[in-house]
Amino acid sequence: MIAQNWKCSVCGFVAVGLFPPDRCPKCHAGRDAFKTEHGYLFPREETEVIIEACGKVSYGLYLVSSIDGDRLNGQICNTLFQITSDPPRLAVGINHGNLTHEFIESSGVFAASILGREDQRIVRRFGYRSGRDFDKFKGVRIMRGRTGCPIYEGAIGYLECSVLHDRTTDAGTHSIFIGDIVGGGVFGEGEPMTYAFWHDTKKSK
């Protein structure tokens, strides 16, 4: 599932997601107030049922991190998957406007910490604010892998990649980076965090 930018035509707030939010969190304007440069490829009256269908697609939540010299950054990402097994490669979709995108482009490396179901705090910390505003890794237990990328020690496991720049794809609002897996490990046997689990847990709270 690849998110895109949605700008509120009333107040200018920009939301990121596959679809616009029901209401603007800043001015409370309705969904129709949000505009994007990409048009729907289906009738607008089908929006709700398509959102529901997309919610049935199973995918995980990961902490994707990268470096820029001595600087560290990371974000929560749901668009990460193994794309080939021989050689082993991962693909990840990152929004052009995110600091992590800048770091991956600059360094050519990224790591994915595989979150467990107990990592709701990590999802909130790395998924709701930009690394331009504060140091997301401050106070978080990390190790450095083969690429130098920060890896969350509380994760179930991790994988590190070296980006194949000639195979990076511009997907509109996002880039799809493909990388050779150069390192990895397993820390525990917990259940991986999925978007469906996070969404249900968040609603229950």
Protein backbone atom coordinates (compact mmCIF):
# COMPACT_ATOMS: atom_id res chain seq x y z
CA MET A 1 0.00 0.00 0.00
CA ILE A 2 1.66 3.24 -1.19
CA ALA A 3 0.56 6.43 0.56
CA GLN A 4 0.42 9.86 -1.03
CA ASN A 5 0.18 13.49 0.07
CA TRP A 6 -3.27 15.07 0.58
CA LYS A 7 -3.50 18.83 1.09
CA CYS A 8 -6.47 20.44 2.85
CA SER A 9 -7.78 23.20 0.58
CA VAL A 10 -9.15 25.05 3.62
CA CYS A 11 -6.12 25.33 5.94
CA GLY A 12 -3.23 23.81 3.98
CA PHE A 13 -2.63 20.85 6.33
CA VAL A 14 -0.92 17.95 4.51
CA ALA A 15 -1.90 14.39 5.40
CA VAL A 16 -0.09 11.29 4.17
CA GLY A 17 -2.05 8.17 3.34
CA LEU A 18 -3.52 6.02 0.61
CA PHE A 19 -6.72 8.04 0.97
CA PRO A 20 -7.49 11.41 2.61
CA PRO A 21 -8.63 11.42 6.26
CA ASP A 22 -12.32 11.61 7.13
CA ARG A 23 -11.74 15.07 8.62
CA CYS A 24 -8.83 17.49 8.70
CA PRO A 25 -7.16 17.20 12.14
CA LYS A 26 -6.35 20.92 12.03
CA CYS A 27 -9.52 22.67 10.79
CA HIS A 28 -11.99 19.72 10.81
CA ALA A 29 -12.93 20.15 7.15
CA GLY A 30 -14.43 17.05 5.53
CA ARG A 31 -12.70 14.56 3.25
CA ASP A 32 -13.81 16.42 0.11
CA ALA A 33 -11.59 19.36 1.12
CA PHE A 34 -8.45 17.29 0.51
CA LYS A 35 -6.82 17.42 -2.90
CA THR A 36 -3.94 15.49 -4.43
CA GLU A 37 -2.06 15.72 -7.68
CA HIS A 38 -3.03 12.15 -8.46
CA GLY A 39 -6.60 11.52 -9.54
CA TYR A 40 -8.71 8.52 -8.62
CA LEU A 41 -8.85 5.77 -11.22
CA PHE A 42 -12.31 4.73 -10.05
CA PRO A 43 -15.64 6.50 -9.43
CA ARG A 44 -15.57 8.62 -6.27
CA GLU A 45 -18.71 6.88 -4.97
CA GLU A 46 -16.65 3.68 -4.66
CA THR A 47 -14.12 5.30 -2.29
CA GLU A 48 -15.44 3.86 0.96
CA VAL A 49 -15.69 0.27 -0.25
CA ILE A 50 -12.21 0.46 -1.81
CA ILE A 51 -10.79 1.77 1.48
CA GLU A 52 -12.43 -1.19 3.21
CA ALA A 53 -10.99 -3.63 0.65
CA CYS A 54 -7.50 -2.14 1.00
CA GLY A 55 -7.80 -2.70 4.74
CA LYS A 56 -8.04 -6.44 4.05
CA VAL A 57 -4.59 -6.48 2.44
CA SER A 58 -2.21 -7.89 5.04
CA TYR A 59 1.11 -6.13 5.68
CA GLY A 60 3.41 -5.33 8.57
CA LEU A 61 4.76 -2.29 10.35
CA TYR A 62 8.53 -1.84 10.39
CA LEU A 63 11.01 0.69 11.71
CA VAL A 64 13.03 1.63 8.62
CA SER A 65 16.22 3.55 9.42
CA SER A 66 19.15 5.09 7.60
CA ILE A 67 22.13 7.37 8.13
CA ASP A 68 23.64 10.57 6.76
CA GLY A 69 27.18 10.81 8.09
CA ASP A 70 26.80 10.85 11.88
CA ARG A 71 23.08 11.61 11.70
CA LEU A 72 20.46 8.91 12.33
CA ASN A 73 16.81 8.80 11.39
CA GLY A 74 14.01 6.31 11.12
CA GLN A 75 10.31 6.05 10.39
CA ILE A 76 7.48 3.58 10.53
CA CYS A 77 6.87 1.95 7.17
CA ASN A 78 4.23 -0.49 5.98
CA THR A 79 5.56 -0.90 2.44
CA LEU A 80 8.42 -3.34 2.91
CA PHE A 81 8.69 -6.79 1.38
CA GLN A 82 11.14 -9.40 0.13
CA ILE A 83 11.09 -9.04 -3.63
CA THR A 84 13.58 -11.78 -4.62
CA SER A 85 15.12 -14.72 -2.81
CA ASP A 86 18.11 -15.44 -5.05
CA PRO A 87 19.81 -13.07 -4.50
CA PRO A 88 17.88 -12.02 -1.36
CA ARG A 89 16.54 -8.48 -1.82
CA LEU A 90 14.06 -6.17 -0.11
CA ALA A 91 11.93 -3.40 -1.60
CA VAL A 92 10.73 -0.45 0.47
CA GLY A 93 8.48 2.50 -0.40
CA ILE A 94 9.42 5.85 1.21
CA ASN A 95 7.67 9.21 0.78
CA HIS A 96 9.76 11.78 -1.09
CA GLY A 97 9.18 14.37 1.65
CA ASN A 98 10.45 12.21 4.51
CA LEU A 99 13.87 12.72 6.08
CA THR A 100 14.48 8.97 5.85
CA HIS A 101 14.14 9.25 2.06
CA GLU A 102 16.92 11.88 2.02
CA PHE A 103 19.16 9.68 4.17
CA ILE A 104 18.65 6.56 2.02
CA GLU A 105 19.37 8.53 -1.14
CA SER A 106 22.52 10.00 0.42
CA SER A 107 23.96 6.90 2.10
CA GLY A 108 22.64 4.14 -0.15
CA VAL A 109 21.77 1.93 2.84
CA PHE A 110 18.80 1.18 5.05
CA ALA A 111 17.81 -1.21 7.81
CA ALA A 112 14.43 -2.60 8.77
CA SER A 113 13.75 -3.47 12.41
CA ILE A 114 10.93 -6.02 12.54
CA LEU A 115 8.54 -4.84 15.25
CA GLY A 116 6.59 -7.08 17.58
CA ARG A 117 3.05 -6.64 18.85
CA GLU A 118 4.34 -5.04 22.06
CA ASP A 119 6.02 -2.18 20.18
CA GLN A 120 3.08 0.26 20.08
CA ARG A 121 5.26 2.89 21.77
CA ILE A 122 7.83 2.63 18.98
CA VAL A 123 5.11 2.99 16.33
CA ARG A 124 3.87 6.18 17.98
CA ARG A 125 7.37 7.62 18.46
CA PHE A 126 8.62 6.96 14.94
CA GLY A 127 5.35 7.21 13.04
CA TYR A 128 3.77 10.51 14.06
CA ARG A 129 6.55 13.13 14.02
CA SER A 130 9.36 14.07 11.67
CA GLY A 131 13.01 13.53 12.49
CA ARG A 132 13.48 17.17 11.50
CA ASP A 133 11.64 18.13 14.70
CA PHE A 134 13.42 15.95 17.27
CA ASP A 135 15.90 13.09 17.69
CA LYS A 136 13.72 10.01 17.42
CA PHE A 137 16.47 7.66 18.58
CA LYS A 138 17.31 9.57 21.76
CA GLY A 139 16.79 7.18 24.68
CA VAL A 140 16.00 4.22 22.39
CA ARG A 141 18.20 1.13 22.74
CA ILE A 142 19.99 0.58 19.44
CA MET A 143 22.89 -1.27 17.91
CA ARG A 144 24.75 -0.48 14.70
CA GLY A 145 24.70 -3.08 11.98
CA ARG A 146 27.05 -3.79 9.10
CA THR A 147 25.76 -0.76 7.18
CA GLY A 148 26.03 1.57 10.18
CA CYS A 149 22.25 2.01 10.27
CA PRO A 150 20.62 2.09 13.72
CA ILE A 151 18.74 -1.07 14.65
CA TYR A 152 16.16 -1.18 17.45
CA GLU A 153 17.37 -3.75 20.00
CA GLY A 154 13.83 -4.45 21.20
CA ALA A 155 12.74 -5.67 17.76
CA ILE A 156 12.04 -9.28 16.87
CA GLY A 157 14.79 -9.10 14.29
CA TYR A 158 16.26 -6.96 11.56
CA LEU A 159 17.53 -6.88 7.98
CA GLU A 160 20.04 -4.49 6.40
CA CYS A 161 20.27 -3.52 2.75
CA SER A 162 22.57 -1.85 0.28
CA VAL A 163 20.49 0.06 -2.27
CA LEU A 164 20.67 -0.75 -5.98
CA HIS A 165 20.41 2.83 -7.22
CA ASP A 166 19.93 1.84 -10.85
CA ARG A 167 16.75 0.02 -9.81
CA THR A 168 15.20 2.75 -7.67
CA THR A 169 11.73 3.61 -9.01
CA ASP A 170 9.90 6.93 -8.78
CA ALA A 171 6.32 5.98 -7.86
CA GLY A 172 4.95 9.53 -7.76
CA THR A 173 4.86 10.63 -4.14
CA HIS A 174 7.24 7.82 -3.13
CA SER A 175 10.44 6.14 -4.23
CA ILE A 176 10.68 2.37 -4.23
CA PHE A 177 14.20 1.44 -3.15
CA ILE A 178 15.43 -2.08 -3.90
CA GLY A 179 18.38 -3.30 -1.89
CA ASP A 180 20.56 -6.36 -1.57
CA ILE A 181 20.31 -7.86 1.92
CA VAL A 182 23.79 -7.57 3.46
CA GLY A 183 23.03 -8.43 7.08
CA GLY A 184 20.36 -9.43 9.54
CA GLY A 185 19.50 -11.28 12.69
CA VAL A 186 16.76 -12.51 15.02
CA PHE A 187 16.33 -11.19 18.56
CA GLY A 188 13.17 -12.97 19.70
CA GLU A 189 10.20 -15.18 18.86
CA GLY A 190 7.30 -12.74 19.32
CA GLU A 191 4.46 -12.18 16.88
CA PRO A 192 5.26 -9.51 14.24
CA MET A 193 3.30 -6.26 14.32
CA THR A 194 0.80 -5.97 11.48
CA TYR A 195 -1.14 -2.91 10.44
CA ALA A 196 -4.41 -4.73 11.15
CA PHE A 197 -3.29 -5.51 14.72
CA TRP A 198 -2.09 -1.93 15.27
CA HIS A 199 -5.33 -0.48 13.90
CA ASP A 200 -7.52 -2.74 16.07
CA THR A 201 -5.42 -2.09 19.18
CA LYS A 202 -5.46 1.65 18.60
CA LYS A 203 -9.25 1.62 18.24
CA SER A 204 -9.67 -0.41 21.43
CA LYS A 205 -7.71 2.23 23.36
